[in-house]
Protein backbone atom coordinates (compact mmCIF):
# COMPACT_ATOMS: atom_id res chain seq x y z
CA UNK A 1 0.00 0.00 0.00
CA UNK A 2 1.41 3.37 -1.01
CA UNK A 3 1.58 6.41 1.26
CA UNK A 4 -0.90 8.27 -0.94
CA UNK A 5 -3.42 5.43 -0.68
CA UNK A 6 -2.98 5.18 3.09
CA UNK A 7 -3.55 8.93 3.48
CA UNK A 8 -6.66 8.77 1.33
CA UNK A 9 -8.09 5.89 3.34
CA UNK A 10 -7.40 7.68 6.62
CA UNK A 11 -9.07 10.86 5.38
CA UNK A 12 -12.12 8.91 4.19
CA UNK A 13 -12.39 7.12 7.54
CA UNK A 14 -12.04 10.40 9.39
CA UNK A 15 -14.77 12.03 7.29
CA UNK A 16 -17.03 9.03 7.95
CA UNK A 17 -16.49 9.15 11.73
CA UNK A 18 -16.91 12.92 11.80
CA UNK A 19 -20.23 12.68 9.95
CA UNK A 20 -21.39 10.02 12.42
CA UNK A 21 -20.44 12.18 15.43
CA UNK A 22 -22.20 15.23 14.01
CA UNK A 23 -25.28 13.10 13.42
CA UNK A 24 -25.32 11.87 17.03
CA UNK A 25 -24.74 15.35 18.43
CA UNK A 26 -27.71 16.72 16.50
CA UNK A 27 -30.02 14.95 18.97
CA UNK A 28 -28.15 16.14 22.07
CA UNK A 29 -29.36 19.25 23.89
CA UNK A 30 -26.44 19.93 26.22
CA UNK A 31 -22.75 19.03 26.11
CA UNK A 32 -19.63 19.74 28.13
CA UNK A 33 -16.29 20.34 26.40
CA UNK A 34 -12.76 19.81 27.69
CA UNK A 35 -9.77 21.40 25.99
CA UNK A 36 -6.02 21.36 26.46
CA UNK A 37 -3.04 22.73 24.57
CA UNK A 38 0.47 21.30 24.78
CA UNK A 39 3.84 21.24 23.05
CA UNK A 40 5.69 18.10 21.96
CA UNK A 41 8.75 17.80 19.73
CA UNK A 42 8.68 21.56 19.05
CA UNK A 43 5.09 21.42 17.82
CA UNK A 44 1.93 22.69 19.52
CA UNK A 45 -1.38 20.82 19.59
CA UNK A 46 -4.93 21.48 20.75
CA UNK A 47 -7.07 18.60 21.99
CA UNK A 48 -10.84 18.90 22.41
CA UNK A 49 -13.30 16.30 23.76
CA UNK A 50 -17.08 16.35 24.11
CA UNK A 51 -19.14 14.76 26.91
CA UNK A 52 -22.88 14.35 27.42
CA UNK A 53 -25.53 12.12 28.97
CA UNK A 54 -27.70 9.76 26.99
CA UNK A 55 -30.27 8.71 29.54
CA UNK A 56 -28.10 7.64 32.49
CA UNK A 57 -25.13 6.74 30.31
CA UNK A 58 -22.22 9.12 29.84
CA UNK A 59 -20.90 9.34 26.30
CA UNK A 60 -17.77 11.01 25.02
CA UNK A 61 -16.26 11.92 21.67
CA UNK A 62 -12.81 13.16 20.69
CA UNK A 63 -13.54 16.15 18.47
CA UNK A 64 -10.06 17.35 17.62
CA UNK A 65 -6.37 16.84 18.10
CA UNK A 66 -4.99 19.44 15.74
CA UNK A 67 -1.74 21.25 15.33
CA UNK A 68 -1.62 24.94 16.22
CA UNK A 69 1.07 26.75 14.28
CA UNK A 70 2.82 29.66 15.89
CA UNK A 71 2.03 30.99 19.36
CA UNK A 72 -0.95 29.49 21.17
CA UNK A 73 -1.98 32.83 22.64
CA UNK A 74 -5.47 33.58 23.97
CA UNK A 75 -6.85 34.86 20.63
CA UNK A 76 -5.47 31.89 18.71
CA UNK A 77 -6.99 29.40 21.16
CA UNK A 78 -10.32 31.24 21.12
CA UNK A 79 -10.42 31.12 17.32
CA UNK A 80 -9.55 27.44 17.22
CA UNK A 81 -12.13 26.48 19.84
CA UNK A 82 -14.80 28.51 18.07
CA UNK A 83 -13.93 26.78 14.80
CA UNK A 84 -14.23 23.29 16.29
CA UNK A 85 -17.57 24.00 17.95
CA UNK A 86 -18.98 25.40 14.70
CA UNK A 87 -17.53 22.49 12.76
CA UNK A 88 -19.57 20.05 14.88
CA UNK A 89 -22.57 22.42 15.09
CA UNK A 90 -22.63 22.48 18.89
CA UNK A 91 -21.66 26.10 19.62
CA UNK A 92 -25.13 26.74 21.15
CA UNK A 93 -25.23 23.47 23.10
CA UNK A 94 -22.12 23.83 25.24
CA UNK A 95 -22.88 24.30 28.94
CA UNK A 96 -19.22 24.65 29.96
CA UNK A 97 -15.74 24.36 28.49
CA UNK A 98 -13.29 22.94 31.04
CA UNK A 99 -9.59 23.86 30.79
CA UNK A 100 -6.63 24.15 33.11
CA UNK A 101 -5.57 27.42 34.76
CA UNK A 102 -3.10 28.48 32.04
CA UNK A 103 -3.31 32.22 31.43
CA UNK A 104 -3.86 31.83 27.68
CA UNK A 105 -7.07 29.85 28.25
CA UNK A 106 -8.21 32.12 31.09
CA UNK A 107 -7.71 35.25 28.99
CA UNK A 108 -9.41 33.66 25.96
CA UNK A 109 -12.63 33.23 27.93
CA UNK A 110 -12.31 36.60 29.65
CA UNK A 111 -12.04 38.37 26.29
CA UNK A 112 -14.26 36.20 24.07
CA UNK A 113 -16.49 34.45 26.62
CA UNK A 114 -20.21 34.88 27.17
CA UNK A 115 -19.73 35.45 30.91
CA UNK A 116 -17.21 37.47 32.85
CA UNK A 117 -16.45 35.14 35.75
CA UNK A 118 -14.46 36.75 38.62
CA UNK A 119 -12.26 33.65 38.84
CA UNK A 120 -11.00 34.35 35.33
CA UNK A 121 -9.57 37.72 36.31
CA UNK A 122 -6.17 36.24 37.11
CA UNK A 123 -4.11 33.14 36.48
CA UNK A 124 -1.59 30.95 38.26
CA UNK A 125 0.50 30.19 35.19
CA UNK A 126 2.34 32.24 32.63
CA UNK A 127 0.97 32.38 29.11
CA UNK A 128 3.02 30.07 26.93
CA UNK A 129 5.13 31.72 24.26
CA UNK A 130 5.28 29.11 21.61
CA UNK A 131 1.69 34.45 15.33
CA UNK A 132 -0.29 32.50 12.95
CA UNK A 133 -3.32 30.27 12.97
CA UNK A 134 -4.95 27.91 10.50
CA UNK A 135 -8.55 28.93 9.75
CA UNK A 136 -11.18 26.52 8.53
CA UNK A 137 -12.61 27.18 5.06
CA UNK A 138 -15.56 29.56 5.29
CA UNK A 139 -14.94 30.16 8.99
CA UNK A 140 -16.68 33.11 10.60
CA UNK A 141 -14.43 35.79 12.09
CA UNK A 142 -16.93 36.31 14.94
CA UNK A 143 -15.64 34.47 18.01
CA UNK A 144 -17.92 33.94 21.02
CA UNK A 145 -16.97 31.22 23.49
CA UNK A 146 -19.32 29.37 25.90
CA UNK A 147 -18.96 29.73 29.70
CA UNK A 148 -15.63 28.64 31.16
CA UNK A 149 -14.87 26.24 34.03
CA UNK A 150 -11.39 25.82 35.44
CA UNK A 151 -10.36 22.19 36.04
CA UNK A 152 -10.85 21.31 39.71
CA UNK A 153 -8.07 18.70 39.65
CA UNK A 154 -5.56 21.21 38.28
CA UNK A 155 -6.64 23.82 40.84
CA UNK A 156 -6.19 21.32 43.68
CA UNK A 157 -2.77 20.44 42.28
CA UNK A 158 -1.78 24.10 42.43
CA UNK A 159 -3.07 24.32 46.00
CA UNK A 160 -1.09 21.22 46.98
CA UNK A 161 2.11 22.51 45.42
CA UNK A 162 2.33 26.31 45.27
CA UNK A 163 0.06 27.16 48.21
CA UNK A 164 1.62 24.46 50.38
CA UNK A 165 5.08 25.87 49.68
CA UNK A 166 3.89 29.30 50.79
CA UNK A 167 2.27 27.79 53.91
CA UNK A 168 5.64 26.34 54.95
CA UNK A 169 6.55 29.84 56.12
CA UNK A 170 4.23 29.19 59.08
CA UNK A 171 6.12 27.38 61.84
CA UNK A 172 3.24 25.19 63.05
CA UNK A 173 2.33 24.10 59.54
CA UNK A 174 5.98 23.41 58.71
CA UNK A 175 6.38 21.18 61.77
CA UNK A 176 3.21 19.20 61.06
CA UNK A 177 4.08 18.91 57.36
CA UNK A 178 7.59 17.62 57.97
CA UNK A 179 6.32 15.08 60.50
CA UNK A 180 3.66 13.80 58.11
CA UNK A 181 5.96 13.50 55.12
CA UNK A 182 8.70 11.90 57.19
CA UNK A 183 6.27 9.13 58.12
CA UNK A 184 5.13 8.82 54.49
CA UNK A 185 8.75 8.67 53.33
CA UNK A 186 9.49 5.96 55.92
CA UNK A 187 6.60 3.85 54.60
CA UNK A 188 7.82 4.40 51.05
CA UNK A 189 11.39 3.43 51.95
CA UNK A 190 10.24 0.24 53.67
CA UNK A 191 7.97 -0.91 50.85
CA UNK A 192 10.73 -0.23 48.31
CA UNK A 193 13.21 -2.36 50.25
CA UNK A 194 11.01 -5.10 51.71
CA UNK A 195 8.99 -7.19 49.26
CA UNK A 196 6.52 -8.39 51.91
CA UNK A 197 5.74 -4.77 52.90
CA UNK A 198 5.09 -3.80 49.28
CA UNK A 199 2.84 -6.83 48.80
CA UNK A 200 0.88 -6.03 51.97
CA UNK A 201 0.27 -2.45 50.84
CA UNK A 202 -0.79 -3.55 47.39
CA UNK A 203 -3.10 -6.22 48.82
CA UNK A 204 -4.72 -3.75 51.25
CA UNK A 205 -5.20 -0.92 48.76
CA UNK A 206 -5.39 -2.72 45.44
CA UNK A 207 -2.72 -0.36 44.13
CA UNK A 208 1.02 -0.01 44.12
CA UNK A 209 2.50 2.83 46.18
CA UNK A 210 3.99 5.52 43.95
CA UNK A 211 5.93 8.71 44.58
CA UNK A 212 6.37 10.49 41.22
CA UNK A 213 9.85 11.99 40.84
CA UNK A 214 10.52 11.12 44.50
CA UNK A 215 8.72 14.35 45.52
CA UNK A 216 7.03 13.94 48.93
CA UNK A 217 4.41 16.57 47.97
CA UNK A 218 3.20 14.15 45.30
CA UNK A 219 2.99 11.13 47.62
CA UNK A 220 -0.05 8.96 47.06
CA UNK A 221 -1.17 5.33 47.09
């Protein structure tokens, strides 16, 4: 099979799946969108997923994983999100778009969003500096984004890392924190050295104990 034939088959399959998704979304009244932008191998990408309830069953679709050329600033992200929602004809069905706390997303919804949420007035992260954008054929230049919701998991992660570091300036908190993490580190050290201890923990919790990057702040079971 030649590369040209493989590309053609992939494009045909993609068009078929896209048509099917649009057809299913036509009968859905409300959806929630998640979006994230990242950089890998010196290239930037935007991922968008769609979630909704069908009766009591939750259903999800991957709507896009597309390359964003140039800087993924707030206006570029707003334009791309608007394009994807229009492409799937759900721009008036989105209850919330969930993103992390990155300043480019926060500013996109503050400038182009339907609501002016007080929580979007600031950000905990710097806007990424990765000035061009690919527009869809026939795309409208009018950009209006649905209401924004910051990811709770990412917010809690910031609280556990940045806010906890600031709290260490308090003597009582610092003492309690060091005592707690010393005990956690002792458990980690024992299970990493004694097979029976590791097996007991895994049997009791159903999971293996992990400390990502050996950082006590990220200790979990």
